[in-house]
N, C-alpha and C. Protein backbone atom coordinates (compact mmCIF):
# COMPACT_ATOMS: atom_id res chain seq x y z
N UNK A 1 0.82 -1.18 0.00
CA UNK A 1 0.00 0.00 0.00
C UNK A 1 0.87 1.26 0.00
N UNK A 2 1.99 1.27 0.68
CA UNK A 2 2.84 2.46 0.65
C UNK A 2 3.48 2.59 -0.72
N UNK A 3 3.69 1.48 -1.40
CA UNK A 3 4.24 1.53 -2.74
C UNK A 3 3.18 2.16 -3.66
N UNK A 4 1.96 1.75 -3.46
CA UNK A 4 0.88 2.31 -4.28
C UNK A 4 0.72 3.80 -3.99
N UNK A 5 0.82 4.17 -2.76
CA UNK A 5 0.70 5.58 -2.39
C UNK A 5 1.86 6.35 -3.00
N UNK A 6 3.04 5.71 -2.91
CA UNK A 6 4.21 6.38 -3.45
C UNK A 6 4.08 6.51 -4.98
N UNK A 7 3.57 5.46 -5.65
CA UNK A 7 3.37 5.50 -7.09
C UNK A 7 2.32 6.57 -7.45
N UNK A 8 1.28 6.60 -6.68
CA UNK A 8 0.22 7.59 -6.93
C UNK A 8 0.78 9.00 -6.76
N UNK A 9 1.57 9.12 -5.69
CA UNK A 9 2.16 10.43 -5.43
C UNK A 9 3.10 10.82 -6.58
N UNK A 10 3.89 9.90 -7.14
CA UNK A 10 4.81 10.15 -8.23
C UNK A 10 4.03 10.51 -9.51
N UNK A 11 2.96 9.75 -9.76
CA UNK A 11 2.13 10.04 -10.94
C UNK A 11 1.52 11.43 -10.82
N UNK A 12 1.07 11.71 -9.61
CA UNK A 12 0.48 13.03 -9.36
C UNK A 12 1.54 14.13 -9.55
N UNK A 13 2.76 13.91 -9.10
CA UNK A 13 3.83 14.90 -9.27
C UNK A 13 4.14 15.10 -10.75
N UNK A 14 4.20 13.97 -11.50
CA UNK A 14 4.44 14.06 -12.94
C UNK A 14 3.30 14.82 -13.63
N UNK A 15 2.09 14.48 -13.24
CA UNK A 15 0.93 15.13 -13.84
C UNK A 15 0.93 16.63 -13.51
N UNK A 16 1.27 16.90 -12.24
CA UNK A 16 1.34 18.31 -11.82
C UNK A 16 2.44 19.04 -12.60
N UNK A 17 3.59 18.38 -12.77
CA UNK A 17 4.70 18.98 -13.50
C UNK A 17 4.32 19.19 -14.97
N UNK A 18 3.66 18.21 -15.59
CA UNK A 18 3.23 18.34 -16.98
C UNK A 18 2.19 19.46 -17.10
N UNK A 19 1.26 19.51 -16.12
CA UNK A 19 0.25 20.57 -16.12
C UNK A 19 0.91 21.94 -15.98
N UNK A 20 1.91 22.02 -15.08
CA UNK A 20 2.60 23.28 -14.87
C UNK A 20 3.34 23.70 -16.13
N UNK A 21 3.97 22.73 -16.82
CA UNK A 21 4.67 23.03 -18.06
C UNK A 21 3.69 23.51 -19.12
N UNK A 22 2.55 22.80 -19.24
CA UNK A 22 1.54 23.20 -20.22
C UNK A 22 0.98 24.58 -19.89
N UNK A 23 0.74 24.79 -18.58
CA UNK A 23 0.21 26.08 -18.14
C UNK A 23 1.22 27.19 -18.41
N UNK A 24 2.48 26.94 -18.09
CA UNK A 24 3.53 27.94 -18.35
C UNK A 24 3.67 28.21 -19.85
N UNK A 25 3.60 27.14 -20.65
CA UNK A 25 3.67 27.30 -22.10
C UNK A 25 2.48 28.13 -22.61
N UNK A 26 1.27 27.84 -22.09
CA UNK A 26 0.08 28.58 -22.49
C UNK A 26 0.20 30.04 -22.07
N UNK A 27 0.71 30.25 -20.84
CA UNK A 27 0.88 31.63 -20.36
C UNK A 27 1.90 32.36 -21.24
N UNK A 28 2.99 31.65 -21.60
CA UNK A 28 4.00 32.27 -22.44
C UNK A 28 3.43 32.60 -23.82
N UNK A 29 2.64 31.66 -24.38
CA UNK A 29 2.01 31.91 -25.69
C UNK A 29 1.05 33.09 -25.59
N UNK A 30 0.27 33.14 -24.53
CA UNK A 30 -0.66 34.26 -24.33
C UNK A 30 0.10 35.59 -24.20
N UNK A 31 1.18 35.52 -23.45
CA UNK A 31 2.00 36.73 -23.26
C UNK A 31 2.56 37.20 -24.59
N UNK A 32 3.10 36.28 -25.39
CA UNK A 32 3.64 36.64 -26.69
C UNK A 32 2.55 37.18 -27.63
N UNK A 33 1.37 36.54 -27.58
CA UNK A 33 0.25 36.99 -28.41
C UNK A 33 -0.21 38.37 -27.99
N UNK A 34 -0.30 38.60 -26.69
CA UNK A 34 -0.70 39.93 -26.20
C UNK A 34 0.35 40.97 -26.58
N UNK A 35 1.62 40.56 -26.49
CA UNK A 35 2.70 41.48 -26.86
C UNK A 35 2.61 41.82 -28.35
N UNK A 36 2.35 40.80 -29.20
CA UNK A 36 2.21 41.03 -30.64
C UNK A 36 1.01 41.93 -30.92
N UNK A 37 -0.11 41.67 -30.21
CA UNK A 37 -1.30 42.50 -30.40
C UNK A 37 -1.04 43.94 -29.94
N UNK A 38 -0.32 44.05 -28.81
CA UNK A 38 -0.01 45.39 -28.30
C UNK A 38 0.91 46.13 -29.27
N UNK A 39 1.89 45.42 -29.84
CA UNK A 39 2.78 46.04 -30.83
C UNK A 39 1.99 46.46 -32.08
N UNK A 40 1.03 45.61 -32.49
CA UNK A 40 0.19 45.95 -33.64
C UNK A 40 -0.64 47.20 -33.35
N UNK A 41 -1.25 47.25 -32.15
CA UNK A 41 -2.03 48.43 -31.77
C UNK A 41 -1.13 49.66 -31.68
N UNK A 42 0.05 49.49 -31.09
CA UNK A 42 0.99 50.60 -30.97
C UNK A 42 1.40 51.09 -32.36
N UNK A 43 1.68 50.15 -33.26
CA UNK A 43 2.06 50.53 -34.62
C UNK A 43 0.91 51.25 -35.33
N UNK A 44 -0.32 50.75 -35.15
CA UNK A 44 -1.46 51.42 -35.78
C UNK A 44 -1.67 52.81 -35.17
N UNK A 45 -1.44 52.94 -33.86
CA UNK A 45 -1.53 54.26 -33.23
C UNK A 45 -0.45 55.21 -33.77
N UNK A 46 0.75 54.65 -33.96
CA UNK A 46 1.83 55.47 -34.54
C UNK A 46 1.46 55.92 -35.96
N UNK A 47 0.87 54.99 -36.73
CA UNK A 47 0.46 55.33 -38.10
C UNK A 47 -0.63 56.41 -38.07
N UNK A 48 -1.60 56.23 -37.17
CA UNK A 48 -2.66 57.24 -37.05
C UNK A 48 -2.09 58.60 -36.64
N UNK A 49 -1.17 58.56 -35.68
CA UNK A 49 -0.56 59.81 -35.23
C UNK A 49 0.23 60.45 -36.36
N UNK A 50 0.97 59.64 -37.13
CA UNK A 50 1.73 60.14 -38.26
C UNK A 50 0.79 60.75 -39.30
N UNK A 51 -0.35 60.08 -39.56
CA UNK A 51 -1.33 60.61 -40.52
C UNK A 51 -1.89 61.94 -40.03
N UNK A 52 -2.20 62.01 -38.71
CA UNK A 52 -2.70 63.27 -38.17
C UNK A 52 -1.66 64.37 -38.32
N UNK A 53 -0.42 64.04 -38.03
CA UNK A 53 0.66 65.02 -38.16
C UNK A 53 0.80 65.46 -39.62
N UNK A 54 0.75 64.47 -40.54
CA UNK A 54 0.86 64.80 -41.96
C UNK A 54 -0.31 65.67 -42.41
N UNK A 55 -1.54 65.35 -41.96
CA UNK A 55 -2.70 66.17 -42.31
C UNK A 55 -2.55 67.58 -41.74
N UNK A 56 -2.09 67.65 -40.48
CA UNK A 56 -1.88 68.97 -39.87
C UNK A 56 -0.82 69.75 -40.64
N UNK A 57 0.26 69.08 -41.01
CA UNK A 57 1.32 69.75 -41.77
C UNK A 57 0.78 70.22 -43.12
N UNK A 58 -0.04 69.39 -43.77
CA UNK A 58 -0.63 69.77 -45.05
C UNK A 58 -1.52 70.99 -44.88
N UNK A 59 -2.33 71.00 -43.82
CA UNK A 59 -3.20 72.15 -43.59
C UNK A 59 -2.38 73.41 -43.31
N UNK A 60 -1.33 73.26 -42.51
CA UNK A 60 -0.47 74.41 -42.21
C UNK A 60 0.19 74.92 -43.50
N UNK A 61 0.68 73.98 -44.32
CA UNK A 61 1.30 74.38 -45.58
C UNK A 61 0.29 75.11 -46.47
N UNK A 62 -0.94 74.60 -46.52
CA UNK A 62 -1.97 75.25 -47.34
C UNK A 62 -2.26 76.65 -46.82
N UNK A 63 -2.33 76.80 -45.50
CA UNK A 63 -2.59 78.13 -44.92
C UNK A 63 -1.45 79.09 -45.24
N UNK A 64 -0.21 78.60 -45.08
CA UNK A 64 0.95 79.46 -45.34
C UNK A 64 1.00 79.84 -46.82
N UNK A 65 0.80 78.84 -47.69
CA UNK A 65 0.82 79.14 -49.13
C UNK A 65 -0.29 80.12 -49.50
N UNK A 66 -1.47 79.93 -48.89
CA UNK A 66 -2.57 80.85 -49.15
C UNK A 66 -2.25 82.26 -48.70
N UNK A 67 -1.67 82.39 -47.50
CA UNK A 67 -1.34 83.74 -47.02
C UNK A 67 -0.25 84.37 -47.88
N UNK A 68 0.72 83.57 -48.32
CA UNK A 68 1.76 84.09 -49.20
C UNK A 68 1.15 84.53 -50.53
N UNK A 69 0.25 83.71 -51.06
CA UNK A 69 -0.40 84.06 -52.33
C UNK A 69 -1.23 85.32 -52.18
N UNK A 70 -1.95 85.44 -51.05
CA UNK A 70 -2.74 86.66 -50.83
C UNK A 70 -1.84 87.88 -50.71
N UNK A 71 -0.72 87.74 -50.02
CA UNK A 71 0.22 88.86 -49.89
C UNK A 71 0.78 89.25 -51.25
N UNK A 72 1.16 88.25 -52.06
CA UNK A 72 1.67 88.55 -53.40
C UNK A 72 0.59 89.22 -54.24
N UNK A 73 -0.64 88.73 -54.12
CA UNK A 73 -1.74 89.33 -54.88
C UNK A 73 -1.96 90.77 -54.46
N UNK A 74 -1.91 91.03 -53.14
CA UNK A 74 -2.07 92.41 -52.66
C UNK A 74 -0.98 93.32 -53.24
N UNK A 75 0.26 92.83 -53.23
CA UNK A 75 1.37 93.61 -53.80
C UNK A 75 1.12 93.83 -55.29
N UNK A 76 0.67 92.78 -55.98
CA UNK A 76 0.37 92.88 -57.41
C UNK A 76 -0.71 93.92 -57.66
N UNK A 77 -1.76 93.90 -56.85
CA UNK A 77 -2.85 94.87 -57.02
C UNK A 77 -2.34 96.29 -56.81
N UNK A 78 -1.51 96.48 -55.79
CA UNK A 78 -0.94 97.82 -55.55
C UNK A 78 -0.11 98.27 -56.75
N UNK A 79 0.69 97.37 -57.30
CA UNK A 79 1.51 97.73 -58.46
C UNK A 79 0.63 98.05 -59.67
N UNK A 80 -0.42 97.26 -59.86
CA UNK A 80 -1.32 97.52 -60.98
C UNK A 80 -1.97 98.89 -60.83
N UNK A 81 -2.41 99.21 -59.62
CA UNK A 81 -3.03 100.51 -59.37
C UNK A 81 -2.03 101.63 -59.64
N UNK A 82 -0.78 101.44 -59.22
CA UNK A 82 0.24 102.46 -59.46
C UNK A 82 0.48 102.64 -60.96
N UNK A 83 0.55 101.54 -61.70
CA UNK A 83 0.76 101.63 -63.15
C UNK A 83 -0.42 102.33 -63.81
N UNK A 84 -1.65 101.98 -63.38
CA UNK A 84 -2.83 102.63 -63.94
C UNK A 84 -2.81 104.13 -63.66
N UNK A 85 -2.44 104.51 -62.45
CA UNK A 85 -2.38 105.94 -62.10
C UNK A 85 -1.33 106.64 -62.95
N UNK A 86 -0.19 106.00 -63.15
CA UNK A 86 0.88 106.58 -63.97
C UNK A 86 0.40 106.78 -65.40
N UNK A 87 -0.27 105.75 -65.95
CA UNK A 87 -0.78 105.85 -67.32
C UNK A 87 -1.83 106.95 -67.42
N UNK A 88 -2.73 107.02 -66.43
CA UNK A 88 -3.75 108.09 -66.43
C UNK A 88 -3.07 109.46 -66.40
N UNK A 89 -2.03 109.59 -65.61
CA UNK A 89 -1.29 110.85 -65.53
C UNK A 89 -0.70 111.22 -66.88
N UNK A 90 -0.09 110.26 -67.55
CA UNK A 90 0.50 110.51 -68.87
C UNK A 90 -0.59 110.92 -69.86
N UNK A 91 -1.71 110.19 -69.85
CA UNK A 91 -2.81 110.51 -70.77
C UNK A 91 -3.34 111.91 -70.48
N UNK A 92 -3.50 112.23 -69.17
CA UNK A 92 -3.99 113.57 -68.81
C UNK A 92 -3.01 114.65 -69.26
N UNK A 93 -1.70 114.40 -69.11
CA UNK A 93 -0.71 115.37 -69.56
C UNK A 93 -0.79 115.57 -71.08
N UNK A 94 -0.96 114.46 -71.82
CA UNK A 94 -1.06 114.58 -73.28
C UNK A 94 -2.32 115.34 -73.66
N UNK A 95 -3.44 115.04 -72.98
CA UNK A 95 -4.68 115.76 -73.27
C UNK A 95 -4.53 117.24 -72.95
N UNK A 96 -3.88 117.54 -71.84
CA UNK A 96 -3.68 118.95 -71.47
C UNK A 96 -2.79 119.64 -72.49
N UNK A 97 -1.73 118.95 -72.90
CA UNK A 97 -0.84 119.53 -73.91
C UNK A 97 -1.60 119.72 -75.22
N UNK A 98 -2.44 118.77 -75.58
CA UNK A 98 -3.23 118.89 -76.80
C UNK A 98 -4.19 120.06 -76.70
N UNK A 99 -4.87 120.17 -75.55
CA UNK A 99 -5.82 121.27 -75.40
C UNK A 99 -5.08 122.61 -75.35
N UNK A 100 -3.91 122.65 -74.71
CA UNK A 100 -3.13 123.88 -74.71
C UNK A 100 -2.69 124.23 -76.12
N UNK A 101 -2.26 123.22 -76.88
CA UNK A 101 -1.85 123.46 -78.27
C UNK A 101 -3.06 123.93 -79.08
N UNK A 102 -4.20 123.33 -78.83
CA UNK A 102 -5.40 123.74 -79.55
C UNK A 102 -5.76 125.18 -79.20
N UNK A 103 -5.67 125.52 -77.92
CA UNK A 103 -5.97 126.90 -77.50
C UNK A 103 -4.98 127.87 -78.12
N UNK A 104 -3.71 127.50 -78.14
CA UNK A 104 -2.69 128.34 -78.74
C UNK A 104 -2.94 128.50 -80.24
N UNK A 105 -3.32 127.40 -80.86
CA UNK A 105 -3.61 127.43 -82.29
C UNK A 105 -4.79 128.34 -82.58
N UNK A 106 -5.85 128.22 -81.78
CA UNK A 106 -7.03 129.07 -81.97
C UNK A 106 -6.65 130.54 -81.77
N UNK A 107 -5.89 130.78 -80.70
CA UNK A 107 -5.47 132.16 -80.44
C UNK A 107 -4.65 132.72 -81.60
N UNK A 108 -3.73 131.94 -82.13
CA UNK A 108 -2.89 132.44 -83.22
C UNK A 108 -3.73 132.67 -84.48
N UNK A 109 -4.71 131.81 -84.74
CA UNK A 109 -5.58 132.01 -85.90
C UNK A 109 -6.42 133.27 -85.75
N UNK A 110 -6.95 133.47 -84.52
CA UNK A 110 -7.75 134.68 -84.27
C UNK A 110 -6.89 135.92 -84.44
N UNK A 111 -5.68 135.88 -83.87
CA UNK A 111 -4.78 137.03 -84.01
C UNK A 111 -4.43 137.27 -85.49
N UNK A 112 -4.19 136.18 -86.21
CA UNK A 112 -3.85 136.31 -87.63
C UNK A 112 -5.02 136.93 -88.39
N UNK A 113 -6.24 136.48 -88.07
CA UNK A 113 -7.43 137.04 -88.73
C UNK A 113 -7.57 138.52 -88.40
N UNK A 114 -7.38 138.84 -87.11
CA UNK A 114 -7.48 140.25 -86.71
C UNK A 114 -6.41 141.09 -87.40
N UNK A 115 -5.20 140.57 -87.49
CA UNK A 115 -4.11 141.29 -88.15
C UNK A 115 -4.44 141.46 -89.63
N UNK A 116 -4.96 140.40 -90.28
CA UNK A 116 -5.32 140.49 -91.69
C UNK A 116 -6.39 141.55 -91.90
N UNK A 117 -7.41 141.58 -91.00
CA UNK A 117 -8.46 142.60 -91.11
C UNK A 117 -7.85 144.01 -90.97
N UNK A 118 -7.02 144.16 -89.95
CA UNK A 118 -6.38 145.46 -89.73
C UNK A 118 -5.54 145.83 -90.93
N UNK A 119 -4.77 144.87 -91.42
CA UNK A 119 -3.91 145.15 -92.56
C UNK A 119 -4.75 145.47 -93.79
N UNK A 120 -5.89 144.80 -93.93
CA UNK A 120 -6.78 145.09 -95.05
C UNK A 120 -7.30 146.52 -94.94
N UNK A 121 -7.70 146.91 -93.71
CA UNK A 121 -8.17 148.29 -93.50
C UNK A 121 -7.05 149.29 -93.82
N UNK A 122 -5.84 148.97 -93.33
CA UNK A 122 -4.70 149.86 -93.63
C UNK A 122 -4.46 149.94 -95.13
N UNK A 123 -4.58 148.77 -95.77
CA UNK A 123 -4.34 148.75 -97.21
C UNK A 123 -5.39 149.59 -97.94
N UNK A 124 -6.65 149.41 -97.51
CA UNK A 124 -7.73 150.20 -98.13
C UNK A 124 -7.49 151.69 -97.86
N UNK A 125 -7.13 152.02 -96.60
CA UNK A 125 -6.86 153.43 -96.25
C UNK A 125 -5.70 153.97 -97.06
N UNK A 126 -4.63 153.17 -97.20
CA UNK A 126 -3.46 153.61 -97.96
C UNK A 126 -3.83 153.81 -99.42
N UNK A 127 -4.65 152.90 -99.93
CA UNK A 127 -5.09 153.01 -101.32
C UNK A 127 -5.91 154.28 -101.51
N UNK A 128 -6.79 154.57 -100.56
CA UNK A 128 -7.61 155.78 -100.64
C UNK A 128 -6.73 157.02 -100.55
N UNK A 129 -5.76 156.97 -99.64
CA UNK A 129 -4.85 158.13 -99.49
C UNK A 129 -4.08 158.32 -100.79
N UNK A 130 -3.56 157.23 -101.36
CA UNK A 130 -2.80 157.32 -102.60
C UNK A 130 -3.69 157.83 -103.75
N UNK A 131 -4.92 157.31 -103.73
CA UNK A 131 -5.85 157.73 -104.78
C UNK A 131 -6.16 159.22 -104.64
N UNK A 132 -6.39 159.66 -103.43
CA UNK A 132 -6.68 161.08 -103.24
C UNK A 132 -5.45 161.92 -103.56
N UNK A 133 -4.24 161.48 -103.26
CA UNK A 133 -3.02 162.22 -103.59
C UNK A 133 -2.85 162.27 -105.10
N UNK A 134 -3.16 161.21 -105.75
CA UNK A 134 -2.99 161.19 -107.20
C UNK A 134 -3.99 162.12 -107.88
N UNK A 135 -5.21 162.10 -107.31
CA UNK A 135 -6.22 162.97 -107.89
C UNK A 135 -5.84 164.43 -107.67
N UNK A 136 -5.27 164.71 -106.57
CA UNK A 136 -4.95 166.09 -106.24
C UNK A 136 -3.79 166.57 -107.08
N UNK A 137 -2.79 165.80 -107.34
CA UNK A 137 -1.59 166.25 -108.04
C UNK A 137 -1.65 165.95 -109.54
N UNK A 138 -2.63 165.32 -110.01
CA UNK A 138 -2.65 165.05 -111.45
C UNK A 138 -3.43 166.03 -112.20
């Protein structure tokens, strides 16, 4: 009976040892699986974070490019307005010069007409004086 007890105890120890080995192996497999799952989740979180950072960077770049484009456009508009003002000034100067030339031309024509009339009167008067002198001395 003590041999049987001893055999039973040995079988039980072997069974316990085999169970402990299987349990430890299962725990190790579970631990490795959890570690792999955790690494997968961590990697997916890193990817999501990287995507968020990339999206944020893209938005920031778009904002910066937009503000730069708006600033360039504002400078362009100012330059266009300056060029338009310069051209208007040149056109106004030409129109003023043209109108001044026209006024000068009109004035000179009027003066010429007045001089011609005066000269015609003088000529008529001189002719009459000459005619009267000729009549008197002939």
